[in-house]
Amino acid sequence: FHFFAANTKWLRVHNGNQYVRYAFVSLRMLWSSTDPNEFASNESVFLSYWQNKYPPYALYFEKTWIQRYSPALWAYYARGPALPSGDQAMEGYHRRLQNIIVSKQNEALDFMAKMLW
């Protein structure tokens, strides 16, 4: 998942390598919240924990994953049970795009668009 990878990468790059294991566990708990109320409760616990453990990470997380990217875009509760996660949909699109071979440099963009669908 991009969500988990981005967070653990941030910790590694910002001198928080010793916290990666803890981050993964707490991120999983937050991500897997089943409804907005449970998410709000888990978010409060998550932010409180990280504000005490490693404040720069708490600030990063809040600015990036709460303010910049709404939890409705990445949290489990925001999607239907039969739908793939956003990362899975993006990976499928990426793989499809990689498989399209445009034989001429000046082929119409419409051709590529048709191939994607």
PDB file of N, CA and C in Angstrom:
ATOM      1  N   PHE A   1       0.836  -1.189   0.000  1.00  0.00           N
ATOM      2  CA  PHE A   1       0.000   0.000   0.000  1.00  0.00           C
ATOM      3  C   PHE A   1       0.878   1.250   0.000  1.00  0.00           C
ATOM      4  N   HIS A   2       0.507   2.186  -0.836  1.00  0.00           N
ATOM      5  CA  HIS A   2       1.239   3.443  -0.898  1.00  0.00           C
ATOM      6  C   HIS A   2       1.180   4.171   0.443  1.00  0.00           C
ATOM      7  N   PHE A   3       0.042   4.136   1.102  1.00  0.00           N
ATOM      8  CA  PHE A   3      -0.141   4.809   2.388  1.00  0.00           C
ATOM      9  C   PHE A   3       0.908   4.345   3.401  1.00  0.00           C
ATOM     10  N   PHE A   4       1.064   3.054   3.526  1.00  0.00           N
ATOM     11  CA  PHE A   4       2.030   2.504   4.485  1.00  0.00           C
ATOM     12  C   PHE A   4       3.463   2.785   4.037  1.00  0.00           C
ATOM     13  N   ALA A   5       3.729   2.592   2.765  1.00  0.00           N
ATOM     14  CA  ALA A   5       5.077   2.816   2.247  1.00  0.00           C
ATOM     15  C   ALA A   5       5.504   4.278   2.393  1.00  0.00           C
ATOM     16  N   ALA A   6       4.606   5.197   2.103  1.00  0.00           N
ATOM     17  CA  ALA A   6       4.934   6.623   2.203  1.00  0.00           C
ATOM     18  C   ALA A   6       5.240   7.017   3.644  1.00  0.00           C
ATOM     19  N   ASN A   7       4.479   6.481   4.568  1.00  0.00           N
ATOM     20  CA  ASN A   7       4.705   6.811   5.977  1.00  0.00           C
ATOM     21  C   ASN A   7       6.003   6.216   6.504  1.00  0.00           C
ATOM     22  N   THR A   8       6.257   4.967   6.199  1.00  0.00           N
ATOM     23  CA  THR A   8       7.496   4.354   6.692  1.00  0.00           C
ATOM     24  C   THR A   8       8.714   4.976   6.010  1.00  0.00           C
ATOM     25  N   LYS A   9       8.575   5.346   4.742  1.00  0.00           N
ATOM     26  CA  LYS A   9       9.678   6.021   4.058  1.00  0.00           C
ATOM     27  C   LYS A   9       9.967   7.371   4.718  1.00  0.00           C
ATOM     28  N   TRP A  10       8.895   8.109   5.050  1.00  0.00           N
ATOM     29  CA  TRP A  10       9.095   9.407   5.704  1.00  0.00           C
ATOM     30  C   TRP A  10       9.885   9.221   7.001  1.00  0.00           C
ATOM     31  N   LEU A  11       9.522   8.242   7.776  1.00  0.00           N
ATOM     32  CA  LEU A  11      10.232   7.998   9.036  1.00  0.00           C
ATOM     33  C   LEU A  11      11.702   7.658   8.788  1.00  0.00           C
ATOM     34  N   ARG A  12      11.964   6.807   7.818  1.00  0.00           N
ATOM     35  CA  ARG A  12      13.351   6.420   7.533  1.00  0.00           C
ATOM     36  C   ARG A  12      14.185   7.613   7.078  1.00  0.00           C
ATOM     37  N   VAL A  13      13.605   8.449   6.255  1.00  0.00           N
ATOM     38  CA  VAL A  13      14.323   9.610   5.715  1.00  0.00           C
ATOM     39  C   VAL A  13      14.531  10.688   6.776  1.00  0.00           C
ATOM     40  N   HIS A  14      13.634  10.756   7.755  1.00  0.00           N
ATOM     41  CA  HIS A  14      13.679  11.820   8.762  1.00  0.00           C
ATOM     42  C   HIS A  14      14.132  11.317  10.134  1.00  0.00           C
ATOM     43  N   ASN A  15      15.116  10.447  10.126  1.00  0.00           N
ATOM     44  CA  ASN A  15      15.744   9.957  11.362  1.00  0.00           C
ATOM     45  C   ASN A  15      14.786   9.263  12.326  1.00  0.00           C
ATOM     46  N   GLY A  16      13.791   8.611  11.788  1.00  0.00           N
ATOM     47  CA  GLY A  16      12.850   7.895  12.641  1.00  0.00           C
ATOM     48  C   GLY A  16      12.834   6.408  12.367  1.00  0.00           C
ATOM     49  N   ASN A  17      13.940   5.881  11.872  1.00  0.00           N
ATOM     50  CA  ASN A  17      13.997   4.469  11.508  1.00  0.00           C
ATOM     51  C   ASN A  17      13.612   3.547  12.666  1.00  0.00           C
ATOM     52  N   GLN A  18      13.947   3.938  13.875  1.00  0.00           N
ATOM     53  CA  GLN A  18      13.636   3.094  15.035  1.00  0.00           C
ATOM     54  C   GLN A  18      12.131   3.028  15.322  1.00  0.00           C
ATOM     55  N   TYR A  19      11.342   3.885  14.671  1.00  0.00           N
ATOM     56  CA  TYR A  19       9.895   3.920  14.907  1.00  0.00           C
ATOM     57  C   TYR A  19       9.080   3.214  13.834  1.00  0.00           C
ATOM     58  N   VAL A  20       9.723   2.730  12.788  1.00  0.00           N
ATOM     59  CA  VAL A  20       8.992   2.157  11.649  1.00  0.00           C
ATOM     60  C   VAL A  20       8.089   1.001  12.079  1.00  0.00           C
ATOM     61  N   ARG A  21       8.590   0.117  12.904  1.00  0.00           N
ATOM     62  CA  ARG A  21       7.792  -1.037  13.341  1.00  0.00           C
ATOM     63  C   ARG A  21       6.536  -0.591  14.086  1.00  0.00           C
ATOM     64  N   TYR A  22       6.678   0.404  14.970  1.00  0.00           N
ATOM     65  CA  TYR A  22       5.532   0.928  15.713  1.00  0.00           C
ATOM     66  C   TYR A  22       4.559   1.658  14.788  1.00  0.00           C
ATOM     67  N   ALA A  23       5.133   2.348  13.825  1.00  0.00           N
ATOM     68  CA  ALA A  23       4.288   3.098  12.888  1.00  0.00           C
ATOM     69  C   ALA A  23       3.405   2.151  12.093  1.00  0.00           C
ATOM     70  N   PHE A  24       3.981   1.062  11.614  1.00  0.00           N
ATOM     71  CA  PHE A  24       3.194   0.145  10.799  1.00  0.00           C
ATOM     72  C   PHE A  24       1.997  -0.392  11.567  1.00  0.00           C
ATOM     73  N   VAL A  25       2.199  -0.755  12.814  1.00  0.00           N
ATOM     74  CA  VAL A  25       1.106  -1.286  13.643  1.00  0.00           C
ATOM     75  C   VAL A  25       0.030  -0.218  13.874  1.00  0.00           C
ATOM     76  N   SER A  26       0.441   0.986  14.230  1.00  0.00           N
ATOM     77  CA  SER A  26      -0.550   2.034  14.515  1.00  0.00           C
ATOM     78  C   SER A  26      -1.229   2.520  13.238  1.00  0.00           C
ATOM     79  N   LEU A  27      -0.513   2.533  12.121  1.00  0.00           N
ATOM     80  CA  LEU A  27      -1.127   2.911  10.841  1.00  0.00           C
ATOM     81  C   LEU A  27      -2.176   1.890  10.428  1.00  0.00           C
ATOM     82  N   ARG A  28      -1.857   0.624  10.613  1.00  0.00           N
ATOM     83  CA  ARG A  28      -2.815  -0.429  10.253  1.00  0.00           C
ATOM     84  C   ARG A  28      -4.101  -0.281  11.063  1.00  0.00           C
ATOM     85  N   MET A  29      -3.969   0.019  12.357  1.00  0.00           N
ATOM     86  CA  MET A  29      -5.143   0.183  13.206  1.00  0.00           C
ATOM     87  C   MET A  29      -5.986   1.379  12.728  1.00  0.00           C
ATOM     88  N   LEU A  30      -5.317   2.471  12.409  1.00  0.00           N
ATOM     89  CA  LEU A  30      -6.021   3.657  11.941  1.00  0.00           C
ATOM     90  C   LEU A  30      -6.663   3.399  10.587  1.00  0.00           C
ATOM     91  N   TRP A  31      -5.911   2.848   9.639  1.00  0.00           N
ATOM     92  CA  TRP A  31      -6.404   2.595   8.294  1.00  0.00           C
ATOM     93  C   TRP A  31      -7.618   1.671   8.293  1.00  0.00           C
ATOM     94  N   SER A  32      -7.620   0.678   9.153  1.00  0.00           N
ATOM     95  CA  SER A  32      -8.684  -0.332   9.127  1.00  0.00           C
ATOM     96  C   SER A  32      -9.937   0.061   9.900  1.00  0.00           C
ATOM     97  N   SER A  33     -10.028   1.286  10.342  1.00  0.00           N
ATOM     98  CA  SER A  33     -11.252   1.756  11.016  1.00  0.00           C
ATOM     99  C   SER A  33     -12.457   1.489  10.114  1.00  0.00           C
ATOM    100  N   THR A  34     -13.538   0.975  10.707  1.00  0.00           N
ATOM    101  CA  THR A  34     -14.675   0.539   9.899  1.00  0.00           C
ATOM    102  C   THR A  34     -15.724   1.613   9.636  1.00  0.00           C
ATOM    103  N   ASP A  35     -15.670   2.710  10.364  1.00  0.00           N
ATOM    104  CA  ASP A  35     -16.618   3.799  10.114  1.00  0.00           C
ATOM    105  C   ASP A  35     -15.995   5.115  10.585  1.00  0.00           C
ATOM    106  N   PRO A  36     -16.592   6.246  10.205  1.00  0.00           N
ATOM    107  CA  PRO A  36     -16.007   7.545  10.560  1.00  0.00           C
ATOM    108  C   PRO A  36     -15.853   7.776  12.065  1.00  0.00           C
ATOM    109  N   ASN A  37     -16.773   7.266  12.860  1.00  0.00           N
ATOM    110  CA  ASN A  37     -16.664   7.436  14.313  1.00  0.00           C
ATOM    111  C   ASN A  37     -15.475   6.669  14.884  1.00  0.00           C
ATOM    112  N   GLU A  38     -15.318   5.440  14.436  1.00  0.00           N
ATOM    113  CA  GLU A  38     -14.173   4.647  14.888  1.00  0.00           C
ATOM    114  C   GLU A  38     -12.872   5.299  14.404  1.00  0.00           C
ATOM    115  N   PHE A  39     -12.889   5.819  13.172  1.00  0.00           N
ATOM    116  CA  PHE A  39     -11.707   6.487  12.650  1.00  0.00           C
ATOM    117  C   PHE A  39     -11.345   7.694  13.509  1.00  0.00           C
ATOM    118  N   ALA A  40     -12.335   8.513  13.863  1.00  0.00           N
ATOM    119  CA  ALA A  40     -12.072   9.712  14.680  1.00  0.00           C
ATOM    120  C   ALA A  40     -11.454   9.322  16.018  1.00  0.00           C
ATOM    121  N   SER A  41     -11.971   8.275  16.621  1.00  0.00           N
ATOM    122  CA  SER A  41     -11.420   7.803  17.891  1.00  0.00           C
ATOM    123  C   SER A  41      -9.988   7.296  17.712  1.00  0.00           C
ATOM    124  N   ASN A  42      -9.764   6.479  16.680  1.00  0.00           N
ATOM    125  CA  ASN A  42      -8.422   5.945  16.418  1.00  0.00           C
ATOM    126  C   ASN A  42      -7.445   7.050  16.026  1.00  0.00           C
ATOM    127  N   GLU A  43      -7.936   8.043  15.304  1.00  0.00           N
ATOM    128  CA  GLU A  43      -7.081   9.168  14.912  1.00  0.00           C
ATOM    129  C   GLU A  43      -6.594   9.933  16.137  1.00  0.00           C
ATOM    130  N   SER A  44      -7.483  10.152  17.076  1.00  0.00           N
ATOM    131  CA  SER A  44      -7.119  10.860  18.297  1.00  0.00           C
ATOM    132  C   SER A  44      -6.027  10.100  19.065  1.00  0.00           C
ATOM    133  N   VAL A  45      -6.205   8.792  19.197  1.00  0.00           N
ATOM    134  CA  VAL A  45      -5.218   7.960  19.888  1.00  0.00           C
ATOM    135  C   VAL A  45      -3.901   7.969  19.115  1.00  0.00           C
ATOM    136  N   PHE A  46      -3.981   7.815  17.804  1.00  0.00           N
ATOM    137  CA  PHE A  46      -2.801   7.792  16.939  1.00  0.00           C
ATOM    138  C   PHE A  46      -1.992   9.078  17.078  1.00  0.00           C
ATOM    139  N   LEU A  47      -2.660  10.231  16.928  1.00  0.00           N
ATOM    140  CA  LEU A  47      -1.957  11.508  16.994  1.00  0.00           C
ATOM    141  C   LEU A  47      -1.381  11.775  18.381  1.00  0.00           C
ATOM    142  N   SER A  48      -2.121  11.422  19.408  1.00  0.00           N
ATOM    143  CA  SER A  48      -1.628  11.596  20.770  1.00  0.00           C
ATOM    144  C   SER A  48      -0.363  10.758  21.000  1.00  0.00           C
ATOM    145  N   TYR A  49      -0.415   9.513  20.551  1.00  0.00           N
ATOM    146  CA  TYR A  49       0.736   8.618  20.692  1.00  0.00           C
ATOM    147  C   TYR A  49       1.962   9.202  19.997  1.00  0.00           C
ATOM    148  N   TRP A  50       1.808   9.636  18.740  1.00  0.00           N
ATOM    149  CA  TRP A  50       2.943  10.117  17.970  1.00  0.00           C
ATOM    150  C   TRP A  50       3.406  11.499  18.397  1.00  0.00           C
ATOM    151  N   GLN A  51       2.515  12.303  18.949  1.00  0.00           N
ATOM    152  CA  GLN A  51       2.952  13.598  19.476  1.00  0.00           C
ATOM    153  C   GLN A  51       3.893  13.396  20.667  1.00  0.00           C
ATOM    154  N   ASN A  52       3.683  12.334  21.405  1.00  0.00           N
ATOM    155  CA  ASN A  52       4.572  12.011  22.530  1.00  0.00           C
ATOM    156  C   ASN A  52       5.818  11.249  22.083  1.00  0.00           C
ATOM    157  N   LYS A  53       5.664  10.333  21.141  1.00  0.00           N
ATOM    158  CA  LYS A  53       6.754   9.446  20.716  1.00  0.00           C
ATOM    159  C   LYS A  53       7.737  10.147  19.769  1.00  0.00           C
ATOM    160  N   TYR A  54       7.194  10.825  18.746  1.00  0.00           N
ATOM    161  CA  TYR A  54       8.036  11.463  17.731  1.00  0.00           C
ATOM    162  C   TYR A  54       7.239  12.607  17.081  1.00  0.00           C
ATOM    163  N   PRO A  55       7.239  13.786  17.714  1.00  0.00           N
ATOM    164  CA  PRO A  55       6.411  14.920  17.265  1.00  0.00           C
ATOM    165  C   PRO A  55       6.557  15.302  15.788  1.00  0.00           C
ATOM    166  N   PRO A  56       7.760  15.247  15.193  1.00  0.00           N
ATOM    167  CA  PRO A  56       7.827  15.599  13.767  1.00  0.00           C
ATOM    168  C   PRO A  56       6.958  14.693  12.887  1.00  0.00           C
ATOM    169  N   TYR A  57       6.865  13.420  13.259  1.00  0.00           N
ATOM    170  CA  TYR A  57       6.029  12.495  12.488  1.00  0.00           C
ATOM    171  C   TYR A  57       4.545  12.826  12.663  1.00  0.00           C
ATOM    172  N   ALA A  58       4.148  13.149  13.871  1.00  0.00           N
ATOM    173  CA  ALA A  58       2.753  13.522  14.115  1.00  0.00           C
ATOM    174  C   ALA A  58       2.371  14.722  13.256  1.00  0.00           C
ATOM    175  N   LEU A  59       3.264  15.688  13.174  1.00  0.00           N
ATOM    176  CA  LEU A  59       3.018  16.881  12.363  1.00  0.00           C
ATOM    177  C   LEU A  59       2.932  16.517  10.879  1.00  0.00           C
ATOM    178  N   TYR A  60       3.884  15.714  10.405  1.00  0.00           N
ATOM    179  CA  TYR A  60       3.848  15.249   9.012  1.00  0.00           C
ATOM    180  C   TYR A  60       2.541  14.535   8.725  1.00  0.00           C
ATOM    181  N   PHE A  61       2.176  13.597   9.579  1.00  0.00           N
ATOM    182  CA  PHE A  61       0.983  12.802   9.333  1.00  0.00           C
ATOM    183  C   PHE A  61      -0.260  13.684   9.265  1.00  0.00           C
ATOM    184  N   GLU A  62      -0.392  14.582  10.212  1.00  0.00           N
ATOM    185  CA  GLU A  62      -1.581  15.438  10.240  1.00  0.00           C
ATOM    186  C   GLU A  62      -1.648  16.334   9.003  1.00  0.00           C
ATOM    187  N   LYS A  63      -0.535  16.937   8.634  1.00  0.00           N
ATOM    188  CA  LYS A  63      -0.529  17.826   7.466  1.00  0.00           C
ATOM    189  C   LYS A  63      -0.749  17.063   6.162  1.00  0.00           C
ATOM    190  N   THR A  64      -0.173  15.879   6.068  1.00  0.00           N
ATOM    191  CA  THR A  64      -0.240  15.131   4.815  1.00  0.00           C
ATOM    192  C   THR A  64      -1.483  14.259   4.720  1.00  0.00           C
ATOM    193  N   TRP A  65      -1.720  13.416   5.718  1.00  0.00           N
ATOM    194  CA  TRP A  65      -2.740  12.381   5.608  1.00  0.00           C
ATOM    195  C   TRP A  65      -4.089  12.748   6.214  1.00  0.00           C
ATOM    196  N   ILE A  66      -4.163  13.905   6.857  1.00  0.00           N
ATOM    197  CA  ILE A  66      -5.456  14.370   7.362  1.00  0.00           C
ATOM    198  C   ILE A  66      -5.884  15.624   6.597  1.00  0.00           C
ATOM    199  N   GLN A  67      -4.966  16.583   6.457  1.00  0.00           N
ATOM    200  CA  GLN A  67      -5.313  17.845   5.811  1.00  0.00           C
ATOM    201  C   GLN A  67      -5.172  17.795   4.286  1.00  0.00           C
ATOM    202  N   ARG A  68      -4.039  17.309   3.804  1.00  0.00           N
ATOM    203  CA  ARG A  68      -3.806  17.319   2.350  1.00  0.00           C
ATOM    204  C   ARG A  68      -4.607  16.232   1.635  1.00  0.00           C
ATOM    205  N   TYR A  69      -4.531  15.010   2.150  1.00  0.00           N
ATOM    206  CA  TYR A  69      -5.287  13.895   1.588  1.00  0.00           C
ATOM    207  C   TYR A  69      -6.334  13.478   2.612  1.00  0.00           C
ATOM    208  N   SER A  70      -7.550  13.793   2.325  1.00  0.00           N
ATOM    209  CA  SER A  70      -8.631  13.456   3.250  1.00  0.00           C
ATOM    210  C   SER A  70      -8.633  11.954   3.539  1.00  0.00           C
ATOM    211  N   PRO A  71      -8.880  11.578   4.785  1.00  0.00           N
ATOM    212  CA  PRO A  71      -8.969  10.149   5.102  1.00  0.00           C
ATOM    213  C   PRO A  71     -10.005   9.417   4.242  1.00  0.00           C
ATOM    214  N   ALA A  72     -10.992  10.149   3.750  1.00  0.00           N
ATOM    215  CA  ALA A  72     -11.988   9.522   2.880  1.00  0.00           C
ATOM    216  C   ALA A  72     -11.372   8.992   1.596  1.00  0.00           C
ATOM    217  N   LEU A  73     -10.164   9.442   1.273  1.00  0.00           N
ATOM    218  CA  LEU A  73      -9.482   8.962   0.075  1.00  0.00           C
ATOM    219  C   LEU A  73      -8.648   7.711   0.329  1.00  0.00           C
ATOM    220  N   TRP A  74      -8.240   7.483   1.571  1.00  0.00           N
ATOM    221  CA  TRP A  74      -7.327   6.363   1.815  1.00  0.00           C
ATOM    222  C   TRP A  74      -7.762   5.393   2.897  1.00  0.00           C
ATOM    223  N   ALA A  75      -8.660   5.774   3.771  1.00  0.00           N
ATOM    224  CA  ALA A  75      -9.060   4.894   4.879  1.00  0.00           C
ATOM    225  C   ALA A  75     -10.061   3.829   4.417  1.00  0.00           C
ATOM    226  N   TYR A  76      -9.996   2.693   5.036  1.00  0.00           N
ATOM    227  CA  TYR A  76     -10.848   1.554   4.691  1.00  0.00           C
ATOM    228  C   TYR A  76     -12.332   1.893   4.773  1.00  0.00           C
ATOM    229  N   TYR A  77     -12.757   2.630   5.790  1.00  0.00           N
ATOM    230  CA  TYR A  77     -14.182   2.910   5.993  1.00  0.00           C
ATOM    231  C   TYR A  77     -14.812   3.661   4.824  1.00  0.00           C
ATOM    232  N   ALA A  78     -14.019   4.338   4.020  1.00  0.00           N
ATOM    233  CA  ALA A  78     -14.560   5.201   2.969  1.00  0.00           C
ATOM    234  C   ALA A  78     -14.877   4.466   1.674  1.00  0.00           C
ATOM    235  N   ARG A  79     -14.579   3.192   1.614  1.00  0.00           N
ATOM    236  CA  ARG A  79     -14.877   2.460   0.381  1.00  0.00           C
ATOM    237  C   ARG A  79     -15.772   1.271   0.681  1.00  0.00           C
ATOM    238  N   GLY A  80     -16.476   0.853  -0.330  1.00  0.00           N
ATOM    239  CA  GLY A  80     -17.354  -0.303  -0.164  1.00  0.00           C
ATOM    240  C   GLY A  80     -16.546  -1.564   0.036  1.00  0.00           C
ATOM    241  N   PRO A  81     -17.135  -2.582   0.654  1.00  0.00           N
ATOM    242  CA  PRO A  81     -16.388  -3.800   0.966  1.00  0.00           C
ATOM    243  C   PRO A  81     -15.908  -4.571  -0.264  1.00  0.00           C
ATOM    244  N   ALA A  82     -16.588  -4.425  -1.403  1.00  0.00           N
ATOM    245  CA  ALA A  82     -16.201  -5.169  -2.589  1.00  0.00           C
ATOM    246  C   ALA A  82     -15.267  -4.376  -3.511  1.00  0.00           C
ATOM    247  N   LEU A  83     -14.969  -3.152  -3.141  1.00  0.00           N
ATOM    248  CA  LEU A  83     -14.141  -2.308  -4.000  1.00  0.00           C
ATOM    249  C   LEU A  83     -12.668  -2.436  -3.652  1.00  0.00           C
ATOM    250  N   PRO A  84     -11.820  -2.339  -4.677  1.00  0.00           N
ATOM    251  CA  PRO A  84     -10.378  -2.371  -4.389  1.00  0.00           C
ATOM    252  C   PRO A  84      -9.954  -1.077  -3.715  1.00  0.00           C
ATOM    253  N   SER A  85      -8.829  -1.123  -3.035  1.00  0.00           N
ATOM    254  CA  SER A  85      -8.309   0.107  -2.444  1.00  0.00           C
ATOM    255  C   SER A  85      -7.844   1.025  -3.562  1.00  0.00           C
ATOM    256  N   GLY A  86      -7.636   2.269  -3.240  1.00  0.00           N
ATOM    257  CA  GLY A  86      -7.158   3.224  -4.234  1.00  0.00           C
ATOM    258  C   GLY A  86      -5.832   2.794  -4.822  1.00  0.00           C
ATOM    259  N   ASP A  87      -4.960   2.228  -3.988  1.00  0.00           N
ATOM    260  CA  ASP A  87      -3.664   1.761  -4.475  1.00  0.00           C
ATOM    261  C   ASP A  87      -3.835   0.638  -5.492  1.00  0.00           C
ATOM    262  N   GLN A  88      -4.777  -0.268  -5.239  1.00  0.00           N
ATOM    263  CA  GLN A  88      -4.988  -1.369  -6.170  1.00  0.00           C
ATOM    264  C   GLN A  88      -5.507  -0.854  -7.506  1.00  0.00           C
ATOM    265  N   ALA A  89      -6.414   0.111  -7.468  1.00  0.00           N
ATOM    266  CA  ALA A  89      -6.939   0.690  -8.702  1.00  0.00           C
ATOM    267  C   ALA A  89      -5.832   1.412  -9.466  1.00  0.00           C
ATOM    268  N   MET A  90      -4.997   2.148  -8.747  1.00  0.00           N
ATOM    269  CA  MET A  90      -3.903   2.866  -9.389  1.00  0.00           C
ATOM    270  C   MET A  90      -2.881   1.900  -9.982  1.00  0.00           C
ATOM    271  N   GLU A  91      -2.590   0.810  -9.281  1.00  0.00           N
ATOM    272  CA  GLU A  91      -1.652  -0.175  -9.802  1.00  0.00           C
ATOM    273  C   GLU A  91      -2.197  -0.814 -11.076  1.00  0.00           C
ATOM    274  N   GLY A  92      -3.489  -1.110 -11.100  1.00  0.00           N
ATOM    275  CA  GLY A  92      -4.099  -1.666 -12.304  1.00  0.00           C
ATOM    276  C   GLY A  92      -3.990  -0.709 -13.480  1.00  0.00           C
ATOM    277  N   TYR A  93      -4.262   0.541 -13.229  1.00  0.00           N
ATOM    278  CA  TYR A  93      -4.156   1.564 -14.269  1.00  0.00           C
ATOM    279  C   TYR A  93      -2.702   1.675 -14.740  1.00  0.00           C
ATOM    280  N   HIS A  94      -1.777   1.687 -13.808  1.00  0.00           N
ATOM    281  CA  HIS A  94      -0.359   1.794 -14.140  1.00  0.00           C
ATOM    282  C   HIS A  94       0.094   0.615 -14.995  1.00  0.00           C
ATOM    283  N   ARG A  95      -0.310  -0.596 -14.620  1.00  0.00           N
ATOM    284  CA  ARG A  95       0.067  -1.775 -15.397  1.00  0.00           C
ATOM    285  C   ARG A  95      -0.509  -1.704 -16.811  1.00  0.00           C
ATOM    286  N   ARG A  96      -1.767  -1.250 -16.894  1.00  0.00           N
ATOM    287  CA  ARG A  96      -2.396  -1.133 -18.214  1.00  0.00           C
ATOM    288  C   ARG A  96      -1.647  -0.118 -19.072  1.00  0.00           C
ATOM    289  N   LEU A  97      -1.276   0.990 -18.478  1.00  0.00           N
ATOM    290  CA  LEU A  97      -0.549   2.026 -19.193  1.00  0.00           C
ATOM    291  C   LEU A  97       0.811   1.516 -19.665  1.00  0.00           C
ATOM    292  N   GLN A  98       1.466   0.716 -18.833  1.00  0.00           N
ATOM    293  CA  GLN A  98       2.769   0.157 -19.211  1.00  0.00           C
ATOM    294  C   GLN A  98       2.659  -0.795 -20.401  1.00  0.00           C
ATOM    295  N   ASN A  99       1.506  -1.444 -20.549  1.00  0.00           N
ATOM    296  CA  ASN A  99       1.338  -2.428 -21.616  1.00  0.00           C
ATOM    297  C   ASN A  99       0.960  -1.816 -22.957  1.00  0.00           C
ATOM    298  N   ILE A 100       0.635  -0.551 -22.968  1.00  0.00           N
ATOM    299  CA  ILE A 100       0.275   0.104 -24.224  1.00  0.00           C
ATOM    300  C   ILE A 100       1.555   0.494 -24.942  1.00  0.00           C
ATOM    301  N   ILE A 101       1.650   0.039 -26.147  1.00  0.00           N
ATOM    302  CA  ILE A 101       2.816   0.386 -26.952  1.00  0.00           C
ATOM    303  C   ILE A 101       2.324   1.237 -28.109  1.00  0.00           C
ATOM    304  N   VAL A 102       2.744   2.466 -28.136  1.00  0.00           N
ATOM    305  CA  VAL A 102       2.384   3.361 -29.229  1.00  0.00           C
ATOM    306  C   VAL A 102       3.483   3.239 -30.271  1.00  0.00           C
ATOM    307  N   SER A 103       3.113   2.771 -31.461  1.00  0.00           N
ATOM    308  CA  SER A 103       4.122   2.474 -32.470  1.00  0.00           C
ATOM    309  C   SER A 103       4.648   3.715 -33.180  1.00  0.00           C
ATOM    310  N   LYS A 104       3.895   4.760 -33.196  1.00  0.00           N
ATOM    311  CA  LYS A 104       4.348   5.986 -33.845  1.00  0.00           C
ATOM    312  C   LYS A 104       4.336   7.106 -32.822  1.00  0.00           C
ATOM    313  N   GLN A 105       5.320   7.950 -32.869  1.00  0.00           N
ATOM    314  CA  GLN A 105       5.396   9.036 -31.895  1.00  0.00           C
ATOM    315  C   GLN A 105       4.231  10.006 -32.014  1.00  0.00           C
ATOM    316  N   ASN A 106       3.698  10.188 -33.181  1.00  0.00           N
ATOM    317  CA  ASN A 106       2.649  11.178 -33.361  1.00  0.00           C
ATOM    318  C   ASN A 106       1.251  10.574 -33.423  1.00  0.00           C
ATOM    319  N   GLU A 107       1.086   9.376 -32.868  1.00  0.00           N
ATOM    320  CA  GLU A 107      -0.257   8.798 -32.841  1.00  0.00           C
ATOM    321  C   GLU A 107      -1.175   9.645 -31.985  1.00  0.00           C
ATOM    322  N   ALA A 108      -2.421   9.653 -32.349  1.00  0.00           N
ATOM    323  CA  ALA A 108      -3.393  10.485 -31.648  1.00  0.00           C
ATOM    324  C   ALA A 108      -3.550  10.054 -30.198  1.00  0.00           C
ATOM    325  N   LEU A 109      -3.707  11.029 -29.349  1.00  0.00           N
ATOM    326  CA  LEU A 109      -3.936  10.756 -27.929  1.00  0.00           C
ATOM    327  C   LEU A 109      -5.240   9.982 -27.743  1.00  0.00           C
ATOM    328  N   ASP A 110      -6.195  10.192 -28.645  1.00  0.00           N
ATOM    329  CA  ASP A 110      -7.464   9.465 -28.571  1.00  0.00           C
ATOM    330  C   ASP A 110      -7.240   7.958 -28.656  1.00  0.00           C
ATOM    331  N   PHE A 111      -6.259   7.540 -29.461  1.00  0.00           N
ATOM    332  CA  PHE A 111      -5.956   6.120 -29.570  1.00  0.00           C
ATOM    333  C   PHE A 111      -5.512   5.557 -28.231  1.00  0.00           C
ATOM    334  N   MET A 112      -4.630   6.271 -27.565  1.00  0.00           N
ATOM    335  CA  MET A 112      -4.168   5.832 -26.237  1.00  0.00           C
ATOM    336  C   MET A 112      -5.310   5.794 -25.250  1.00  0.00           C
ATOM    337  N   ALA A 113      -6.166   6.792 -25.277  1.00  0.00           N
ATOM    338  CA  ALA A 113      -7.306   6.840 -24.358  1.00  0.00           C
ATOM    339  C   ALA A 113      -8.219   5.642 -24.574  1.00  0.00           C
ATOM    340  N   LYS A 114      -8.456   5.277 -25.824  1.00  0.00           N
ATOM    341  CA  LYS A 114      -9.293   4.115 -26.127  1.00  0.00           C
ATOM    342  C   LYS A 114      -8.657   2.837 -25.580  1.00  0.00           C
ATOM    343  N   MET A 115      -7.351   2.733 -25.698  1.00  0.00           N
ATOM    344  CA  MET A 115      -6.647   1.552 -25.221  1.00  0.00           C
ATOM    345  C   MET A 115      -6.752   1.404 -23.707  1.00  0.00           C
ATOM    346  N   LEU A 116      -6.816   2.529 -22.995  1.00  0.00           N
ATOM    347  CA  LEU A 116      -6.909   2.471 -21.540  1.00  0.00           C
ATOM    348  C   LEU A 116      -8.266   1.951 -21.077  1.00  0.00           C
ATOM    349  N   TRP A 117      -9.272   2.164 -21.830  1.00  0.00           N
ATOM    350  CA  TRP A 117     -10.621   1.727 -21.436  1.00  0.00           C
ATOM    351  C   TRP A 117     -10.859   0.360 -21.956  1.00  0.00           C
TER     352      TRP A 117
END
